[in-house]
C-alpha atoms as a PDB file:
ATOM      1  CA  UNK A   1     -46.168  42.870 -23.960  1.00  0.00           C
ATOM      2  CA  UNK A   2     -45.126  42.842 -27.766  1.00  0.00           C
ATOM      3  CA  UNK A   3     -47.001  45.033 -30.399  1.00  0.00           C
ATOM      4  CA  UNK A   4     -46.293  43.792 -34.347  1.00  0.00           C
ATOM      5  CA  UNK A   5     -47.323  46.034 -37.395  1.00  0.00           C
ATOM      6  CA  UNK A   6     -47.640  43.944 -40.506  1.00  0.00           C
ATOM      7  CA  UNK A   7     -47.577  45.481 -43.803  1.00  0.00           C
ATOM      8  CA  UNK A   8     -49.673  44.815 -47.074  1.00  0.00           C
ATOM      9  CA  UNK A   9     -48.026  45.145 -50.279  1.00  0.00           C
ATOM     10  CA  UNK A  10     -48.729  45.223 -53.784  1.00  0.00           C
ATOM     11  CA  UNK A  11     -45.804  45.385 -56.485  1.00  0.00           C
ATOM     12  CA  UNK A  12     -43.624  46.570 -53.720  1.00  0.00           C
ATOM     13  CA  UNK A  13     -46.084  49.547 -52.415  1.00  0.00           C
ATOM     14  CA  UNK A  14     -47.622  49.838 -49.202  1.00  0.00           C
ATOM     15  CA  UNK A  15     -50.791  49.211 -50.136  1.00  0.00           C
ATOM     16  CA  UNK A  16     -52.099  48.655 -45.769  1.00  0.00           C
ATOM     17  CA  UNK A  17     -51.202  48.300 -42.339  1.00  0.00           C
ATOM     18  CA  UNK A  18     -52.093  46.230 -39.921  1.00  0.00           C
ATOM     19  CA  UNK A  19     -51.240  46.336 -36.502  1.00  0.00           C
ATOM     20  CA  UNK A  20     -51.982  43.173 -33.475  1.00  0.00           C
ATOM     21  CA  UNK A  21     -51.046  42.708 -30.017  1.00  0.00           C
ATOM     22  CA  UNK A  22     -48.924  39.661 -30.589  1.00  0.00           C
ATOM     23  CA  UNK A  23     -48.758  39.346 -26.176  1.00  0.00           C
ATOM     24  CA  UNK A  24     -50.496  40.988 -23.773  1.00  0.00           C
ATOM     25  CA  UNK A  25     -54.017  43.208 -24.187  1.00  0.00           C
ATOM     26  CA  UNK A  26     -54.313  46.535 -26.641  1.00  0.00           C
ATOM     27  CA  UNK A  27     -55.231  48.435 -23.408  1.00  0.00           C
ATOM     28  CA  UNK A  28     -52.006  47.847 -21.447  1.00  0.00           C
ATOM     29  CA  UNK A  29     -50.200  48.685 -25.186  1.00  0.00           C
ATOM     30  CA  UNK A  30     -52.445  51.644 -25.904  1.00  0.00           C
ATOM     31  CA  UNK A  31     -51.183  52.854 -21.221  1.00  0.00           C
ATOM     32  CA  UNK A  32     -47.562  52.282 -22.121  1.00  0.00           C
ATOM     33  CA  UNK A  33     -47.535  54.011 -24.950  1.00  0.00           C
ATOM     34  CA  UNK A  34     -49.422  56.991 -23.858  1.00  0.00           C
ATOM     35  CA  UNK A  35     -47.351  57.154 -19.922  1.00  0.00           C
ATOM     36  CA  UNK A  36     -44.623  57.297 -21.837  1.00  0.00           C
ATOM     37  CA  UNK A  37     -45.456  59.491 -24.189  1.00  0.00           C
ATOM     38  CA  UNK A  38     -43.902  57.546 -28.058  1.00  0.00           C
ATOM     39  CA  UNK A  39     -47.259  58.034 -29.908  1.00  0.00           C
ATOM     40  CA  UNK A  40     -50.658  56.812 -29.933  1.00  0.00           C
ATOM     41  CA  UNK A  41     -49.818  53.255 -31.966  1.00  0.00           C
ATOM     42  CA  UNK A  42     -47.348  50.454 -32.685  1.00  0.00           C
ATOM     43  CA  UNK A  43     -44.662  51.331 -35.576  1.00  0.00           C
ATOM     44  CA  UNK A  44     -42.568  50.402 -36.381  1.00  0.00           C
ATOM     45  CA  UNK A  45     -40.063  52.824 -36.121  1.00  0.00           C
ATOM     46  CA  UNK A  46     -38.456  52.223 -32.759  1.00  0.00           C
ATOM     47  CA  UNK A  47     -37.151  48.328 -34.001  1.00  0.00           C
ATOM     48  CA  UNK A  48     -35.537  49.751 -37.576  1.00  0.00           C
ATOM     49  CA  UNK A  49     -33.847  53.178 -35.354  1.00  0.00           C
ATOM     50  CA  UNK A  50     -32.331  50.309 -32.640  1.00  0.00           C
ATOM     51  CA  UNK A  51     -31.786  48.057 -35.787  1.00  0.00           C
ATOM     52  CA  UNK A  52     -29.591  50.659 -36.987  1.00  0.00           C
ATOM     53  CA  UNK A  53     -27.675  51.705 -33.680  1.00  0.00           C
ATOM     54  CA  UNK A  54     -26.720  47.448 -33.217  1.00  0.00           C
ATOM     55  CA  UNK A  55     -25.064  48.365 -37.400  1.00  0.00           C
ATOM     56  CA  UNK A  56     -23.006  51.717 -36.565  1.00  0.00           C
ATOM     57  CA  UNK A  57     -21.799  50.003 -33.342  1.00  0.00           C
ATOM     58  CA  UNK A  58     -20.930  46.737 -33.848  1.00  0.00           C
ATOM     59  CA  UNK A  59     -18.957  46.411 -36.860  1.00  0.00           C
ATOM     60  CA  UNK A  60     -19.904  43.188 -37.658  1.00  0.00           C
ATOM     61  CA  UNK A  61     -23.283  43.807 -38.296  1.00  0.00           C
ATOM     62  CA  UNK A  62     -22.217  46.300 -41.052  1.00  0.00           C
ATOM     63  CA  UNK A  63     -23.874  45.278 -44.400  1.00  0.00           C
ATOM     64  CA  UNK A  64     -21.047  44.809 -46.962  1.00  0.00           C
ATOM     65  CA  UNK A  65     -18.601  45.091 -44.284  1.00  0.00           C
ATOM     66  CA  UNK A  66     -15.388  43.057 -43.957  1.00  0.00           C
ATOM     67  CA  UNK A  67     -14.995  42.235 -40.409  1.00  0.00           C
ATOM     68  CA  UNK A  68     -17.291  38.979 -38.907  1.00  0.00           C
ATOM     69  CA  UNK A  69     -18.215  37.979 -35.981  1.00  0.00           C
ATOM     70  CA  UNK A  70     -17.397  35.083 -36.240  1.00  0.00           C
ATOM     71  CA  UNK A  71     -18.103  33.322 -33.053  1.00  0.00           C
ATOM     72  CA  UNK A  72     -21.995  33.375 -31.884  1.00  0.00           C
ATOM     73  CA  UNK A  73     -20.802  33.989 -28.224  1.00  0.00           C
ATOM     74  CA  UNK A  74     -18.970  37.620 -28.774  1.00  0.00           C
ATOM     75  CA  UNK A  75     -22.267  39.093 -31.316  1.00  0.00           C
ATOM     76  CA  UNK A  76     -24.207  37.608 -28.198  1.00  0.00           C
ATOM     77  CA  UNK A  77     -21.805  39.487 -25.984  1.00  0.00           C
ATOM     78  CA  UNK A  78     -21.585  42.441 -28.156  1.00  0.00           C
ATOM     79  CA  UNK A  79     -25.718  42.822 -28.666  1.00  0.00           C
ATOM     80  CA  UNK A  80     -25.505  42.689 -25.514  1.00  0.00           C
ATOM     81  CA  UNK A  81     -23.602  45.531 -24.529  1.00  0.00           C
ATOM     82  CA  UNK A  82     -24.911  47.911 -26.585  1.00  0.00           C
ATOM     83  CA  UNK A  83     -28.897  46.900 -25.897  1.00  0.00           C
ATOM     84  CA  UNK A  84     -27.410  48.157 -21.856  1.00  0.00           C
ATOM     85  CA  UNK A  85     -25.838  50.877 -23.422  1.00  0.00           C
ATOM     86  CA  UNK A  86     -28.775  51.930 -25.604  1.00  0.00           C
ATOM     87  CA  UNK A  87     -31.313  51.344 -22.634  1.00  0.00           C
ATOM     88  CA  UNK A  88     -29.190  52.638 -19.654  1.00  0.00           C
ATOM     89  CA  UNK A  89     -27.074  55.253 -20.844  1.00  0.00           C
ATOM     90  CA  UNK A  90     -27.988  56.762 -23.774  1.00  0.00           C
ATOM     91  CA  UNK A  91     -30.746  59.909 -23.515  1.00  0.00           C
ATOM     92  CA  UNK A  92     -32.694  60.067 -25.929  1.00  0.00           C
ATOM     93  CA  UNK A  93     -34.629  63.251 -27.248  1.00  0.00           C
ATOM     94  CA  UNK A  94     -38.118  61.653 -28.048  1.00  0.00           C
ATOM     95  CA  UNK A  95     -38.176  60.748 -24.352  1.00  0.00           C
ATOM     96  CA  UNK A  96     -39.459  63.538 -23.569  1.00  0.00           C
ATOM     97  CA  UNK A  97     -37.106  66.600 -21.821  1.00  0.00           C
ATOM     98  CA  UNK A  98     -34.230  65.153 -23.783  1.00  0.00           C
ATOM     99  CA  UNK A  99     -32.413  63.573 -20.630  1.00  0.00           C
ATOM    100  CA  UNK A 100     -34.618  60.635 -20.102  1.00  0.00           C
ATOM    101  CA  UNK A 101     -33.348  57.309 -20.738  1.00  0.00           C
ATOM    102  CA  UNK A 102     -35.516  54.648 -21.970  1.00  0.00           C
ATOM    103  CA  UNK A 103     -34.407  52.843 -18.810  1.00  0.00           C
ATOM    104  CA  UNK A 104     -36.029  55.558 -17.094  1.00  0.00           C
ATOM    105  CA  UNK A 105     -38.877  55.994 -19.207  1.00  0.00           C
ATOM    106  CA  UNK A 106     -40.388  52.978 -18.504  1.00  0.00           C
ATOM    107  CA  UNK A 107     -39.873  53.395 -14.335  1.00  0.00           C
ATOM    108  CA  UNK A 108     -37.444  50.777 -14.041  1.00  0.00           C
ATOM    109  CA  UNK A 109     -33.980  53.679 -12.881  1.00  0.00           C
ATOM    110  CA  UNK A 110     -34.191  56.682 -10.820  1.00  0.00           C
ATOM    111  CA  UNK A 111     -30.822  58.062 -13.246  1.00  0.00           C
ATOM    112  CA  UNK A 112     -28.909  58.099 -16.383  1.00  0.00           C
ATOM    113  CA  UNK A 113     -26.597  55.167 -16.037  1.00  0.00           C
ATOM    114  CA  UNK A 114     -22.736  55.324 -17.025  1.00  0.00           C
ATOM    115  CA  UNK A 115     -21.051  53.015 -19.305  1.00  0.00           C
ATOM    116  CA  UNK A 116     -18.737  52.151 -16.178  1.00  0.00           C
ATOM    117  CA  UNK A 117     -21.329  51.701 -14.261  1.00  0.00           C
ATOM    118  CA  UNK A 118     -23.349  49.240 -16.203  1.00  0.00           C
ATOM    119  CA  UNK A 119     -20.100  47.274 -16.345  1.00  0.00           C
ATOM    120  CA  UNK A 120     -19.342  47.265 -12.599  1.00  0.00           C
ATOM    121  CA  UNK A 121     -23.562  45.729 -12.595  1.00  0.00           C
ATOM    122  CA  UNK A 122     -23.619  42.639 -10.583  1.00  0.00           C
ATOM    123  CA  UNK A 123     -26.798  40.700 -12.001  1.00  0.00           C
ATOM    124  CA  UNK A 124     -28.149  37.544 -10.746  1.00  0.00           C
ATOM    125  CA  UNK A 125     -26.885  34.636 -12.442  1.00  0.00           C
ATOM    126  CA  UNK A 126     -29.967  32.894 -14.763  1.00  0.00           C
ATOM    127  CA  UNK A 127     -31.774  30.721 -13.300  1.00  0.00           C
ATOM    128  CA  UNK A 128     -29.399  27.142 -13.251  1.00  0.00           C
ATOM    129  CA  UNK A 129     -31.656  24.579 -15.587  1.00  0.00           C
ATOM    130  CA  UNK A 130     -30.591  20.732 -16.072  1.00  0.00           C
ATOM    131  CA  UNK A 131     -29.538  19.744 -19.317  1.00  0.00           C
ATOM    132  CA  UNK A 132     -32.075  16.994 -21.150  1.00  0.00           C
ATOM    133  CA  UNK A 133     -29.937  14.031 -21.505  1.00  0.00           C
ATOM    134  CA  UNK A 134     -30.673  11.276 -23.956  1.00  0.00           C
ATOM    135  CA  UNK A 135     -32.429   8.596 -23.565  1.00  0.00           C
ATOM    136  CA  UNK A 136     -29.404   5.046 -24.080  1.00  0.00           C
ATOM    137  CA  UNK A 137     -30.584   2.776 -27.109  1.00  0.00           C
ATOM    138  CA  UNK A 138     -31.041  -0.572 -25.589  1.00  0.00           C
ATOM    139  CA  UNK A 139     -30.716  -2.306 -28.594  1.00  0.00           C
ATOM    140  CA  UNK A 140     -27.192  -0.861 -29.736  1.00  0.00           C
ATOM    141  CA  UNK A 141     -26.055  -1.582 -26.093  1.00  0.00           C
ATOM    142  CA  UNK A 142     -27.332  -5.252 -26.022  1.00  0.00           C
ATOM    143  CA  UNK A 143     -25.439  -5.800 -29.666  1.00  0.00           C
ATOM    144  CA  UNK A 144     -22.509  -4.751 -28.095  1.00  0.00           C
ATOM    145  CA  UNK A 145     -22.318  -7.275 -25.059  1.00  0.00           C
ATOM    146  CA  UNK A 146     -23.671  -9.983 -27.692  1.00  0.00           C
ATOM    147  CA  UNK A 147     -20.853  -9.703 -29.997  1.00  0.00           C
ATOM    148  CA  UNK A 148     -17.602  -9.190 -26.930  1.00  0.00           C
ATOM    149  CA  UNK A 149     -19.155 -12.002 -25.826  1.00  0.00           C
ATOM    150  CA  UNK A 150     -18.881 -13.611 -28.883  1.00  0.00           C
ATOM    151  CA  UNK A 151     -15.678 -12.572 -29.365  1.00  0.00           C
END
């Protein structure tokens, strides 16, 4: 499920907010929000908090910082690790008694994981897809063969 919040601005001030469901149904989103106790409607506070967490944990994402993540693979691995620790290891006070993680609130696990447990978890690899092959250009090959035959 994906919820979307669109803020309508006039002169830099928010004059309206439209909440809509981009994937799934409004009833399913409302049911998940009620089950997890995270509010009555979709809002941007959660994603903004997550973005701040990523900036705080990965030096290359800090605004106006000197550290850069020059390789996409390092950025991807760092964000994956921070996301796993955020969802599986860190307890969030807004999720009930203060000792629950987002993974526990979603019903994915029954306990708070340690970081070593996350790193040691053996996950199945993604399903392999054969790379798409580029079609051969017949005209270029024929011309090369013709030129080779003439020379």
